[in-house]
Structures are given as structure tokens and as C-alpha cells.
Amino acid sequence: MILETVVVGPYQANCYILAEKEGSEAIIIDPGGDYNKIKKAIDKYELIPKIVINTHGHIDHIGANDKFRLPVYIHKDDANCLLDSKRNMSAFLGSPVALDSKIKTLNDKDKITLGKLSLEVIHTPGHTPGGICLKIGDIVFTGDTLFYGGIGRTDFPYASEEKMRESLKKLMSLPDKIKIFPGHGQASSIGEEKKSNPFI
């Protein structure tokens, strides 16, 4: 399996490119900006992008969605972020953005399948109402729910500290061997975060 990380935008968000092998169809997770940088990584493996998935609806994770002209999958509780510059935080940064990609809404436990790739949706509200993590095999893409040594902020509009605690409990119930690939920063594992994350 190909798993390529591209760090994008001023907030250094992790965009992930997932594919079975070189030359195959690909999933793009959180293309938050720097379209040309993401495209270069896709072209390196001669991939054919087919799906965009947003782990949540903040601008640093959705900024380049429209550039790919692909269906965008996002949890139903964050779908309005793609259309509302206040909900996606871009209005507060002085450059309001509303997107027009075709939206496909997700629910907890949904499966997103492309060829032999199958991602399970884990609804993890807290940072946003529709925050999700995506599990494939022994890997979980944790968006802005869980970071190496940290967790997502809950002081933004529509965030919830109580729901974040519940979401973290859900993630900590996963096996220690599960590797986490967060929305910002370096990769880790569930076991490592149980031991050393001060917020857990």
C-alpha cells in the first residue's frame, strides 16, 4: 500500500494520499492547501485520484478540495462547513471560502471503499461536531482529534470538551499496536499515547 504524507498550508496540516500500488486509483485525505505540492506527490506514483475525504470541516483541511474536482466525503455534522466560511473558520482569517465540490455525507461506522482499500469511519466529535477518524487495517487517521502528545482544541465555535473526552475514550479502546496518523505533526501509536499523552 502507498501512504504518502504531504504537509500543506500555513498551519502545516497533514494531507495523506492512499493507494493500493503505483498507477492505481487513490484517496486524498484532508487536502488543506498547496494543490501543486499534493499533485506532485500523486504524479510521483502515477496515481489516479478518485475520492477526497475530510476528517473535519476547518479550512486548513479542506482548502484545496475543489481543485481536484472530485466527490468530497465528510461527516454529515460538518458538511455545512464546506459551504459556510464562518463554520470552516476561513472568515475569521480574512479570506472567506465556500466550496462547491459534490458532497457525500458520512455517518459513524460507514465504509469508504476504493478497489481493495476500505476505510471505516469512526465519528469522533469534540474539535468539531462532525470530526471523524478513518481506520484501515492497523492504521487510523485521527484528524484533529488525537495528536502525538496532544489533542484537538475545544475552544473553537461548535467544539465540545465533553464530546472530545468521549471520542478519546473510543480511540483508547483500540489496540495499542494501532498506528495513528494525525492531522498535524508526527505519527504515533495508540499504545504510545496511552503512556505519554498528558491529555489522556
N, C-alpha and C. Protein backbone atom coordinates (compact mmCIF):
# COMPACT_ATOMS: atom_id res chain seq x y z
N MET A 1 0.84 -1.20 0.00
CA MET A 1 0.00 0.00 0.00
C MET A 1 0.88 1.25 0.00
N ILE A 2 0.47 2.25 -0.76
CA ILE A 2 1.15 3.54 -0.76
C ILE A 2 0.47 4.45 0.25
N LEU A 3 1.26 5.03 1.15
CA LEU A 3 0.78 6.03 2.09
C LEU A 3 1.79 7.17 2.08
N GLU A 4 1.39 8.26 1.47
CA GLU A 4 2.28 9.42 1.33
C GLU A 4 1.72 10.58 2.14
N THR A 5 2.58 11.23 2.93
CA THR A 5 2.18 12.40 3.72
C THR A 5 2.71 13.65 3.05
N VAL A 6 1.82 14.62 2.86
CA VAL A 6 2.22 15.91 2.30
C VAL A 6 1.77 16.99 3.30
N VAL A 7 2.73 17.75 3.82
CA VAL A 7 2.41 18.80 4.79
C VAL A 7 2.05 20.06 4.02
N VAL A 8 0.85 20.60 4.29
CA VAL A 8 0.31 21.68 3.45
C VAL A 8 -0.17 22.87 4.27
N GLY A 9 -0.09 24.05 3.63
CA GLY A 9 -0.69 25.25 4.17
C GLY A 9 0.07 25.89 5.31
N PRO A 10 -0.34 27.09 5.69
CA PRO A 10 0.34 27.81 6.77
C PRO A 10 0.23 27.16 8.14
N TYR A 11 -0.78 26.28 8.31
CA TYR A 11 -0.96 25.61 9.60
C TYR A 11 -0.36 24.20 9.60
N GLN A 12 0.41 23.89 8.54
CA GLN A 12 1.15 22.64 8.47
C GLN A 12 0.28 21.42 8.72
N ALA A 13 -0.83 21.35 8.01
CA ALA A 13 -1.74 20.20 8.12
C ALA A 13 -1.19 19.03 7.30
N ASN A 14 -1.46 17.84 7.78
CA ASN A 14 -1.05 16.62 7.07
C ASN A 14 -2.13 16.21 6.07
N CYS A 15 -1.77 16.21 4.80
CA CYS A 15 -2.61 15.63 3.76
C CYS A 15 -2.05 14.24 3.46
N TYR A 16 -2.93 13.25 3.41
CA TYR A 16 -2.49 11.87 3.18
C TYR A 16 -3.02 11.37 1.83
N ILE A 17 -2.14 10.71 1.10
CA ILE A 17 -2.50 10.09 -0.17
C ILE A 17 -2.39 8.59 0.00
N LEU A 18 -3.48 7.90 -0.29
CA LEU A 18 -3.59 6.47 -0.03
C LEU A 18 -3.94 5.74 -1.33
N ALA A 19 -3.18 4.68 -1.63
CA ALA A 19 -3.46 3.90 -2.84
C ALA A 19 -2.93 2.48 -2.66
N GLU A 20 -3.48 1.55 -3.46
CA GLU A 20 -3.03 0.16 -3.39
C GLU A 20 -1.59 0.00 -3.85
N LYS A 21 -1.26 0.65 -4.96
CA LYS A 21 0.06 0.49 -5.57
C LYS A 21 0.27 1.60 -6.59
N GLU A 22 1.46 1.70 -7.14
CA GLU A 22 1.74 2.69 -8.17
C GLU A 22 0.80 2.49 -9.36
N GLY A 23 0.32 3.59 -9.91
CA GLY A 23 -0.55 3.53 -11.06
C GLY A 23 -2.01 3.24 -10.76
N SER A 24 -2.35 3.08 -9.48
CA SER A 24 -3.74 2.73 -9.14
C SER A 24 -4.54 3.97 -8.74
N GLU A 25 -5.82 3.77 -8.47
CA GLU A 25 -6.68 4.85 -8.01
C GLU A 25 -6.33 5.23 -6.57
N ALA A 26 -6.58 6.49 -6.22
CA ALA A 26 -6.11 7.00 -4.93
C ALA A 26 -7.19 7.76 -4.17
N ILE A 27 -7.03 7.75 -2.85
CA ILE A 27 -7.85 8.53 -1.93
C ILE A 27 -6.98 9.66 -1.39
N ILE A 28 -7.53 10.86 -1.35
CA ILE A 28 -6.82 12.01 -0.77
C ILE A 28 -7.55 12.40 0.51
N ILE A 29 -6.82 12.39 1.62
CA ILE A 29 -7.40 12.76 2.92
C ILE A 29 -6.89 14.15 3.30
N ASP A 30 -7.81 15.07 3.52
CA ASP A 30 -7.51 16.43 4.01
C ASP A 30 -6.55 17.23 3.13
N PRO A 31 -6.95 17.52 1.89
CA PRO A 31 -6.14 18.42 1.07
C PRO A 31 -6.38 19.87 1.47
N GLY A 32 -5.66 20.31 2.48
CA GLY A 32 -5.93 21.61 3.08
C GLY A 32 -5.37 22.80 2.35
N GLY A 33 -4.52 22.57 1.37
CA GLY A 33 -3.90 23.65 0.62
C GLY A 33 -2.80 23.10 -0.25
N ASP A 34 -2.05 23.99 -0.89
CA ASP A 34 -0.87 23.59 -1.69
C ASP A 34 -1.21 22.51 -2.71
N TYR A 35 -2.19 22.81 -3.55
CA TYR A 35 -2.62 21.84 -4.56
C TYR A 35 -1.45 21.28 -5.37
N ASN A 36 -0.57 22.15 -5.82
CA ASN A 36 0.54 21.70 -6.68
C ASN A 36 1.47 20.73 -5.96
N LYS A 37 1.66 20.95 -4.68
CA LYS A 37 2.50 20.07 -3.87
C LYS A 37 1.86 18.68 -3.75
N ILE A 38 0.55 18.64 -3.54
CA ILE A 38 -0.17 17.37 -3.46
C ILE A 38 -0.16 16.68 -4.81
N LYS A 39 -0.39 17.44 -5.87
CA LYS A 39 -0.41 16.88 -7.22
C LYS A 39 0.95 16.27 -7.58
N LYS A 40 2.02 16.88 -7.15
CA LYS A 40 3.35 16.37 -7.42
C LYS A 40 3.54 14.99 -6.78
N ALA A 41 3.04 14.84 -5.54
CA ALA A 41 3.14 13.55 -4.85
C ALA A 41 2.29 12.49 -5.54
N ILE A 42 1.12 12.89 -6.03
CA ILE A 42 0.25 11.96 -6.77
C ILE A 42 0.93 11.52 -8.06
N ASP A 43 1.51 12.47 -8.77
CA ASP A 43 2.15 12.16 -10.05
C ASP A 43 3.39 11.29 -9.87
N LYS A 44 4.05 11.42 -8.73
CA LYS A 44 5.25 10.62 -8.47
C LYS A 44 4.95 9.13 -8.56
N TYR A 45 3.75 8.74 -8.13
CA TYR A 45 3.34 7.34 -8.15
C TYR A 45 2.39 7.02 -9.31
N GLU A 46 2.18 8.01 -10.19
CA GLU A 46 1.27 7.85 -11.33
C GLU A 46 -0.12 7.41 -10.89
N LEU A 47 -0.60 8.03 -9.83
CA LEU A 47 -1.90 7.68 -9.26
C LEU A 47 -3.03 8.43 -9.95
N ILE A 48 -4.24 7.87 -9.80
CA ILE A 48 -5.45 8.48 -10.35
C ILE A 48 -6.37 8.82 -9.17
N PRO A 49 -6.38 10.07 -8.72
CA PRO A 49 -7.23 10.41 -7.57
C PRO A 49 -8.71 10.26 -7.89
N LYS A 50 -9.45 9.65 -6.96
CA LYS A 50 -10.87 9.37 -7.17
C LYS A 50 -11.77 9.94 -6.07
N ILE A 51 -11.23 10.05 -4.86
CA ILE A 51 -12.05 10.44 -3.71
C ILE A 51 -11.26 11.41 -2.85
N VAL A 52 -11.93 12.44 -2.34
CA VAL A 52 -11.39 13.30 -1.29
C VAL A 52 -12.19 13.04 -0.02
N ILE A 53 -11.49 12.89 1.10
CA ILE A 53 -12.16 12.74 2.40
C ILE A 53 -11.64 13.83 3.33
N ASN A 54 -12.56 14.52 4.00
CA ASN A 54 -12.18 15.49 5.03
C ASN A 54 -12.46 14.91 6.41
N THR A 55 -11.46 14.93 7.28
CA THR A 55 -11.68 14.44 8.64
C THR A 55 -12.54 15.42 9.45
N HIS A 56 -12.56 16.67 9.04
CA HIS A 56 -13.48 17.67 9.60
C HIS A 56 -13.47 18.87 8.68
N GLY A 57 -14.25 19.90 9.03
CA GLY A 57 -14.53 20.95 8.07
C GLY A 57 -13.77 22.25 8.23
N HIS A 58 -12.65 22.27 8.95
CA HIS A 58 -11.89 23.51 9.08
C HIS A 58 -11.06 23.78 7.83
N ILE A 59 -10.83 25.05 7.56
CA ILE A 59 -10.22 25.48 6.30
C ILE A 59 -8.84 24.86 6.06
N ASP A 60 -8.08 24.62 7.12
CA ASP A 60 -6.73 24.07 6.92
C ASP A 60 -6.75 22.60 6.50
N HIS A 61 -7.95 22.00 6.45
CA HIS A 61 -8.08 20.61 5.99
C HIS A 61 -8.91 20.48 4.71
N ILE A 62 -9.56 21.57 4.31
CA ILE A 62 -10.47 21.50 3.16
C ILE A 62 -10.09 22.45 2.02
N GLY A 63 -9.08 23.27 2.22
CA GLY A 63 -8.78 24.39 1.33
C GLY A 63 -8.59 24.06 -0.13
N ALA A 64 -8.04 22.88 -0.44
CA ALA A 64 -7.79 22.51 -1.84
C ALA A 64 -8.80 21.49 -2.38
N ASN A 65 -9.88 21.25 -1.65
CA ASN A 65 -10.89 20.28 -2.10
C ASN A 65 -11.30 20.49 -3.55
N ASP A 66 -11.71 21.73 -3.88
CA ASP A 66 -12.30 22.00 -5.19
C ASP A 66 -11.31 21.80 -6.34
N LYS A 67 -10.04 21.95 -6.05
CA LYS A 67 -9.02 21.85 -7.10
C LYS A 67 -9.02 20.47 -7.77
N PHE A 68 -9.45 19.46 -7.02
CA PHE A 68 -9.40 18.09 -7.57
C PHE A 68 -10.65 17.72 -8.36
N ARG A 69 -11.73 18.49 -8.19
CA ARG A 69 -12.98 18.23 -8.91
C ARG A 69 -13.44 16.79 -8.72
N LEU A 70 -13.44 16.38 -7.46
CA LEU A 70 -13.83 15.02 -7.08
C LEU A 70 -14.91 15.07 -6.02
N PRO A 71 -15.67 13.98 -5.84
CA PRO A 71 -16.61 13.92 -4.71
C PRO A 71 -15.86 14.07 -3.39
N VAL A 72 -16.44 14.83 -2.48
CA VAL A 72 -15.83 15.06 -1.16
C VAL A 72 -16.69 14.39 -0.10
N TYR A 73 -16.08 13.48 0.65
CA TYR A 73 -16.75 12.79 1.73
C TYR A 73 -16.44 13.51 3.05
N ILE A 74 -17.49 13.79 3.82
CA ILE A 74 -17.34 14.45 5.10
C ILE A 74 -18.53 14.03 5.98
N HIS A 75 -18.32 13.99 7.29
CA HIS A 75 -19.42 13.61 8.18
C HIS A 75 -20.58 14.60 8.03
N LYS A 76 -21.78 14.09 8.16
CA LYS A 76 -22.98 14.91 7.94
C LYS A 76 -23.03 16.12 8.87
N ASP A 77 -22.44 16.02 10.06
CA ASP A 77 -22.49 17.13 11.00
C ASP A 77 -21.47 18.24 10.69
N ASP A 78 -20.58 17.99 9.75
CA ASP A 78 -19.62 19.02 9.32
C ASP A 78 -19.83 19.43 7.86
N ALA A 79 -20.81 18.84 7.19
CA ALA A 79 -21.00 19.12 5.77
C ALA A 79 -21.23 20.61 5.51
N ASN A 80 -21.93 21.29 6.43
CA ASN A 80 -22.20 22.71 6.23
C ASN A 80 -20.94 23.56 6.29
N CYS A 81 -19.86 23.01 6.86
CA CYS A 81 -18.58 23.74 6.90
C CYS A 81 -18.04 24.02 5.50
N LEU A 82 -18.35 23.13 4.57
CA LEU A 82 -17.85 23.31 3.21
C LEU A 82 -18.52 24.48 2.50
N LEU A 83 -19.66 24.88 3.01
CA LEU A 83 -20.46 25.93 2.38
C LEU A 83 -20.47 27.24 3.15
N ASP A 84 -20.01 27.22 4.38
CA ASP A 84 -20.15 28.35 5.30
C ASP A 84 -18.77 28.78 5.79
N SER A 85 -18.34 29.97 5.41
CA SER A 85 -16.99 30.44 5.76
C SER A 85 -16.82 30.69 7.26
N LYS A 86 -17.93 30.92 7.96
CA LYS A 86 -17.81 31.06 9.42
C LYS A 86 -17.63 29.71 10.07
N ARG A 87 -18.34 28.71 9.59
CA ARG A 87 -18.21 27.37 10.16
C ARG A 87 -16.83 26.77 9.88
N ASN A 88 -16.27 27.07 8.70
CA ASN A 88 -14.96 26.47 8.39
C ASN A 88 -13.79 27.33 8.86
N MET A 89 -14.09 28.44 9.51
CA MET A 89 -13.11 29.33 10.14
C MET A 89 -12.39 30.26 9.16
N SER A 90 -12.62 30.13 7.87
CA SER A 90 -11.89 30.97 6.91
C SER A 90 -12.30 32.44 7.04
N ALA A 91 -13.54 32.70 7.41
CA ALA A 91 -13.99 34.08 7.56
C ALA A 91 -13.20 34.81 8.64
N PHE A 92 -12.85 34.09 9.70
CA PHE A 92 -12.11 34.70 10.81
C PHE A 92 -10.66 34.99 10.42
N LEU A 93 -10.19 34.33 9.37
CA LEU A 93 -8.80 34.53 8.92
C LEU A 93 -8.70 35.57 7.81
N GLY A 94 -9.84 36.17 7.45
CA GLY A 94 -9.83 37.26 6.50
C GLY A 94 -9.94 36.87 5.04
N SER A 95 -10.06 35.57 4.76
CA SER A 95 -10.21 35.10 3.37
C SER A 95 -11.35 34.09 3.31
N PRO A 96 -12.61 34.56 3.31
CA PRO A 96 -13.75 33.64 3.35
C PRO A 96 -13.77 32.67 2.18
N VAL A 97 -13.99 31.40 2.49
CA VAL A 97 -14.00 30.35 1.48
C VAL A 97 -15.28 29.53 1.61
N ALA A 98 -15.98 29.35 0.49
CA ALA A 98 -17.10 28.41 0.40
C ALA A 98 -16.82 27.52 -0.81
N LEU A 99 -16.98 26.24 -0.65
CA LEU A 99 -16.60 25.29 -1.68
C LEU A 99 -17.82 24.78 -2.45
N ASP A 100 -17.58 24.26 -3.65
CA ASP A 100 -18.73 23.77 -4.43
C ASP A 100 -18.54 22.35 -4.96
N SER A 101 -17.63 21.59 -4.38
CA SER A 101 -17.49 20.19 -4.76
C SER A 101 -18.76 19.41 -4.40
N LYS A 102 -18.98 18.31 -5.08
CA LYS A 102 -20.10 17.43 -4.75
C LYS A 102 -19.85 16.80 -3.39
N ILE A 103 -20.79 16.96 -2.47
CA ILE A 103 -20.62 16.48 -1.10
C ILE A 103 -21.32 15.15 -0.90
N LYS A 104 -20.59 14.20 -0.29
CA LYS A 104 -21.18 12.92 0.10
C LYS A 104 -21.03 12.80 1.61
N THR A 105 -22.16 12.74 2.31
CA THR A 105 -22.11 12.77 3.78
C THR A 105 -21.89 11.37 4.36
N LEU A 106 -21.23 11.36 5.50
CA LEU A 106 -20.85 10.13 6.19
C LEU A 106 -21.51 10.05 7.56
N ASN A 107 -21.63 8.82 8.04
CA ASN A 107 -22.08 8.54 9.40
C ASN A 107 -21.08 7.60 10.07
N ASP A 108 -21.18 7.50 11.39
CA ASP A 108 -20.34 6.58 12.15
C ASP A 108 -20.47 5.16 11.61
N LYS A 109 -19.35 4.49 11.47
CA LYS A 109 -19.25 3.09 11.04
C LYS A 109 -19.46 2.88 9.54
N ASP A 110 -19.65 3.96 8.79
CA ASP A 110 -19.70 3.82 7.33
C ASP A 110 -18.37 3.28 6.82
N LYS A 111 -18.41 2.67 5.64
CA LYS A 111 -17.20 2.19 4.97
C LYS A 111 -17.04 2.96 3.66
N ILE A 112 -15.83 3.44 3.43
CA ILE A 112 -15.49 4.08 2.15
C ILE A 112 -14.54 3.14 1.43
N THR A 113 -14.95 2.64 0.28
CA THR A 113 -14.19 1.61 -0.42
C THR A 113 -13.73 2.11 -1.79
N LEU A 114 -12.47 1.83 -2.09
CA LEU A 114 -11.92 2.11 -3.41
C LEU A 114 -10.99 0.96 -3.76
N GLY A 115 -11.41 0.13 -4.72
CA GLY A 115 -10.64 -1.07 -5.03
C GLY A 115 -10.56 -1.96 -3.80
N LYS A 116 -9.34 -2.31 -3.41
CA LYS A 116 -9.14 -3.15 -2.22
C LYS A 116 -8.99 -2.34 -0.94
N LEU A 117 -8.99 -1.03 -1.07
CA LEU A 117 -8.90 -0.17 0.11
C LEU A 117 -10.28 0.01 0.73
N SER A 118 -10.37 -0.13 2.04
CA SER A 118 -11.64 0.09 2.74
C SER A 118 -11.37 0.82 4.05
N LEU A 119 -11.91 2.02 4.17
CA LEU A 119 -11.73 2.85 5.35
C LEU A 119 -13.02 2.85 6.18
N GLU A 120 -12.89 2.56 7.46
CA GLU A 120 -14.04 2.61 8.37
C GLU A 120 -14.10 3.97 9.04
N VAL A 121 -15.27 4.58 9.03
CA VAL A 121 -15.48 5.88 9.65
C VAL A 121 -15.74 5.71 11.15
N ILE A 122 -14.97 6.43 11.95
CA ILE A 122 -15.19 6.49 13.40
C ILE A 122 -15.54 7.93 13.74
N HIS A 123 -16.78 8.17 14.14
CA HIS A 123 -17.21 9.53 14.46
C HIS A 123 -16.59 9.95 15.78
N THR A 124 -15.80 11.03 15.75
CA THR A 124 -15.11 11.50 16.96
C THR A 124 -15.34 13.00 17.13
N PRO A 125 -16.56 13.40 17.51
CA PRO A 125 -16.82 14.82 17.72
C PRO A 125 -16.02 15.36 18.90
N GLY A 126 -15.91 16.67 18.94
CA GLY A 126 -15.17 17.33 20.01
C GLY A 126 -14.49 18.57 19.47
N HIS A 127 -13.55 18.38 18.58
CA HIS A 127 -12.91 19.52 17.91
C HIS A 127 -13.92 20.20 16.99
N THR A 128 -14.71 19.40 16.29
CA THR A 128 -15.88 19.87 15.54
C THR A 128 -17.00 18.85 15.76
N PRO A 129 -18.25 19.21 15.48
CA PRO A 129 -19.35 18.25 15.66
C PRO A 129 -19.23 17.02 14.77
N GLY A 130 -18.66 17.19 13.58
CA GLY A 130 -18.58 16.09 12.63
C GLY A 130 -17.18 15.55 12.42
N GLY A 131 -16.32 15.71 13.39
CA GLY A 131 -14.97 15.17 13.28
C GLY A 131 -15.00 13.65 13.15
N ILE A 132 -14.13 13.13 12.30
CA ILE A 132 -14.03 11.67 12.14
C ILE A 132 -12.58 11.22 12.16
N CYS A 133 -12.40 9.95 12.48
CA CYS A 133 -11.15 9.24 12.26
C CYS A 133 -11.44 8.16 11.21
N LEU A 134 -10.40 7.70 10.56
CA LEU A 134 -10.54 6.74 9.47
C LEU A 134 -9.60 5.57 9.71
N LYS A 135 -10.17 4.37 9.85
CA LYS A 135 -9.37 3.19 10.17
C LYS A 135 -9.24 2.28 8.96
N ILE A 136 -8.00 1.89 8.68
CA ILE A 136 -7.73 0.89 7.64
C ILE A 136 -6.65 -0.03 8.18
N GLY A 137 -6.98 -1.28 8.39
CA GLY A 137 -6.03 -2.23 8.97
C GLY A 137 -5.57 -1.77 10.34
N ASP A 138 -4.25 -1.67 10.52
CA ASP A 138 -3.69 -1.24 11.80
C ASP A 138 -3.33 0.24 11.81
N ILE A 139 -3.99 1.01 10.96
CA ILE A 139 -3.74 2.45 10.85
C ILE A 139 -5.03 3.21 11.10
N VAL A 140 -4.92 4.31 11.84
CA VAL A 140 -6.05 5.23 11.99
C VAL A 140 -5.58 6.65 11.69
N PHE A 141 -6.27 7.31 10.77
CA PHE A 141 -6.04 8.72 10.51
C PHE A 141 -6.93 9.49 11.48
N THR A 142 -6.31 10.23 12.40
CA THR A 142 -7.06 10.78 13.53
C THR A 142 -7.46 12.24 13.38
N GLY A 143 -7.18 12.86 12.22
CA GLY A 143 -7.60 14.25 12.02
C GLY A 143 -7.10 15.12 13.16
N ASP A 144 -7.99 16.02 13.63
CA ASP A 144 -7.61 16.89 14.75
C ASP A 144 -8.23 16.43 16.06
N THR A 145 -8.47 15.12 16.16
CA THR A 145 -8.94 14.56 17.43
C THR A 145 -7.76 14.20 18.33
N LEU A 146 -6.82 13.44 17.80
CA LEU A 146 -5.68 12.96 18.59
C LEU A 146 -4.38 13.22 17.85
N PHE A 147 -3.43 13.86 18.55
CA PHE A 147 -2.10 14.12 18.01
C PHE A 147 -1.05 13.36 18.81
N TYR A 148 0.16 13.35 18.30
CA TYR A 148 1.31 12.89 19.09
C TYR A 148 1.47 13.85 20.27
N GLY A 149 1.20 13.37 21.47
CA GLY A 149 1.36 14.18 22.67
C GLY A 149 0.32 15.26 22.87
N GLY A 150 -0.78 15.21 22.13
CA GLY A 150 -1.78 16.26 22.27
C GLY A 150 -3.15 15.83 21.75
N ILE A 151 -4.10 16.74 21.85
CA ILE A 151 -5.45 16.51 21.34
C ILE A 151 -5.94 17.78 20.64
N GLY A 152 -7.04 17.68 19.93
CA GLY A 152 -7.59 18.83 19.23
C GLY A 152 -8.16 19.86 20.19
N ARG A 153 -8.10 21.12 19.76
CA ARG A 153 -8.62 22.21 20.57
C ARG A 153 -10.14 22.12 20.70
N THR A 154 -10.63 22.51 21.89
CA THR A 154 -12.08 22.51 22.11
C THR A 154 -12.60 23.90 22.49
N ASP A 155 -11.78 24.92 22.18
CA ASP A 155 -12.20 26.30 22.49
C ASP A 155 -12.68 27.04 21.24
N PHE A 156 -12.84 26.32 20.13
CA PHE A 156 -13.37 26.92 18.91
C PHE A 156 -14.90 26.89 18.93
N PRO A 157 -15.54 27.72 18.10
CA PRO A 157 -17.00 27.63 17.97
C PRO A 157 -17.42 26.21 17.57
N TYR A 158 -18.49 25.73 18.17
CA TYR A 158 -19.10 24.42 17.89
C TYR A 158 -18.28 23.25 18.44
N ALA A 159 -17.18 23.52 19.14
CA ALA A 159 -16.39 22.45 19.76
C ALA A 159 -17.01 22.06 21.10
N SER A 160 -16.58 20.90 21.63
CA SER A 160 -17.13 20.40 22.89
C SER A 160 -16.08 19.59 23.64
N GLU A 161 -15.72 20.08 24.81
CA GLU A 161 -14.74 19.35 25.63
C GLU A 161 -15.31 18.01 26.08
N GLU A 162 -16.60 17.99 26.42
CA GLU A 162 -17.23 16.74 26.87
C GLU A 162 -17.22 15.69 25.76
N LYS A 163 -17.58 16.09 24.57
CA LYS A 163 -17.60 15.14 23.45
C LYS A 163 -16.19 14.70 23.07
N MET A 164 -15.22 15.60 23.22
CA MET A 164 -13.84 15.23 22.95
C MET A 164 -13.40 14.12 23.91
N ARG A 165 -13.76 14.24 25.18
CA ARG A 165 -13.39 13.20 26.15
C ARG A 165 -13.98 11.85 25.75
N GLU A 166 -15.23 11.85 25.31
CA GLU A 166 -15.88 10.61 24.88
C GLU A 166 -15.19 10.03 23.65
N SER A 167 -14.81 10.90 22.72
CA SER A 167 -14.15 10.44 21.49
C SER A 167 -12.78 9.85 21.80
N LEU A 168 -12.06 10.46 22.73
CA LEU A 168 -10.74 9.94 23.10
C LEU A 168 -10.86 8.57 23.77
N LYS A 169 -11.90 8.38 24.57
CA LYS A 169 -12.13 7.06 25.17
C LYS A 169 -12.35 6.01 24.08
N LYS A 170 -13.09 6.39 23.06
CA LYS A 170 -13.36 5.48 21.94
C LYS A 170 -12.04 5.09 21.25
N LEU A 171 -11.17 6.06 21.03
CA LEU A 171 -9.89 5.77 20.38
C LEU A 171 -8.98 4.94 21.28
N MET A 172 -9.00 5.23 22.57
CA MET A 172 -8.13 4.49 23.50
C MET A 172 -8.58 3.05 23.70
N SER A 173 -9.78 2.71 23.23
CA SER A 173 -10.24 1.32 23.31
C SER A 173 -9.66 0.48 22.17
N LEU A 174 -9.00 1.12 21.22
CA LEU A 174 -8.36 0.39 20.13
C LEU A 174 -7.08 -0.28 20.61
N PRO A 175 -6.61 -1.31 19.93
CA PRO A 175 -5.38 -2.00 20.35
C PRO A 175 -4.17 -1.06 20.34
N ASP A 176 -3.26 -1.30 21.28
CA ASP A 176 -2.07 -0.46 21.41
C ASP A 176 -1.24 -0.41 20.13
N LYS A 177 -1.27 -1.47 19.36
CA LYS A 177 -0.41 -1.55 18.16
C LYS A 177 -0.88 -0.63 17.03
N ILE A 178 -2.09 -0.11 17.13
CA ILE A 178 -2.64 0.73 16.07
C ILE A 178 -1.78 1.99 15.91
N LYS A 179 -1.33 2.24 14.70
CA LYS A 179 -0.57 3.46 14.40
C LYS A 179 -1.54 4.60 14.12
N ILE A 180 -1.20 5.78 14.62
CA ILE A 180 -2.05 6.94 14.34
C ILE A 180 -1.31 7.93 13.44
N PHE A 181 -2.05 8.44 12.46
CA PHE A 181 -1.54 9.47 11.57
C PHE A 181 -2.44 10.69 11.74
N PRO A 182 -1.96 11.69 12.48
CA PRO A 182 -2.83 12.82 12.86
C PRO A 182 -2.91 13.92 11.81
N GLY A 183 -3.79 14.88 12.07
CA GLY A 183 -3.98 15.99 11.17
C GLY A 183 -2.84 16.99 11.15
N HIS A 184 -2.04 16.98 12.20
CA HIS A 184 -0.86 17.83 12.30
C HIS A 184 0.20 17.05 13.07
N GLY A 185 1.46 17.25 12.72
CA GLY A 185 2.54 16.66 13.50
C GLY A 185 2.85 15.23 13.11
N GLN A 186 3.69 14.60 13.91
CA GLN A 186 4.23 13.29 13.58
C GLN A 186 3.29 12.14 13.95
N ALA A 187 3.55 11.00 13.33
CA ALA A 187 2.77 9.78 13.61
C ALA A 187 3.11 9.25 15.00
N SER A 188 2.24 8.40 15.50
CA SER A 188 2.45 7.78 16.81
C SER A 188 1.70 6.46 16.83
N SER A 189 1.31 6.01 18.01
CA SER A 189 0.50 4.80 18.16
C SER A 189 -0.44 4.97 19.33
N ILE A 190 -1.49 4.17 19.36
CA ILE A 190 -2.42 4.21 20.49
C ILE A 190 -1.69 3.89 21.79
N GLY A 191 -0.82 2.87 21.77
CA GLY A 191 -0.07 2.49 22.96
C GLY A 191 0.80 3.62 23.47
N GLU A 192 1.48 4.31 22.57
CA GLU A 192 2.36 5.43 22.95
C GLU A 192 1.56 6.56 23.58
N GLU A 193 0.40 6.86 23.00
CA GLU A 193 -0.41 7.95 23.53
C GLU A 193 -1.02 7.59 24.88
N LYS A 194 -1.35 6.34 25.09
CA LYS A 194 -1.84 5.91 26.41
C LYS A 194 -0.78 6.15 27.48
N LYS A 195 0.48 5.91 27.11
CA LYS A 195 1.57 6.02 28.08
C LYS A 195 1.99 7.46 28.32
N SER A 196 2.04 8.27 27.28
CA SER A 196 2.74 9.56 27.42
C SER A 196 1.93 10.81 27.11
N ASN A 197 0.74 10.66 26.55
CA ASN A 197 -0.04 11.85 26.22
C ASN A 197 -0.66 12.44 27.50
N PRO A 198 -0.31 13.65 27.88
CA PRO A 198 -0.80 14.21 29.15
C PRO A 198 -2.30 14.49 29.18
N PHE A 199 -2.95 14.46 28.00
CA PHE A 199 -4.38 14.75 27.93
C PHE A 199 -5.24 13.51 28.01
N ILE A 200 -4.60 12.33 28.00
CA ILE A 200 -5.35 11.06 28.01
C ILE A 200 -5.56 10.61 29.44
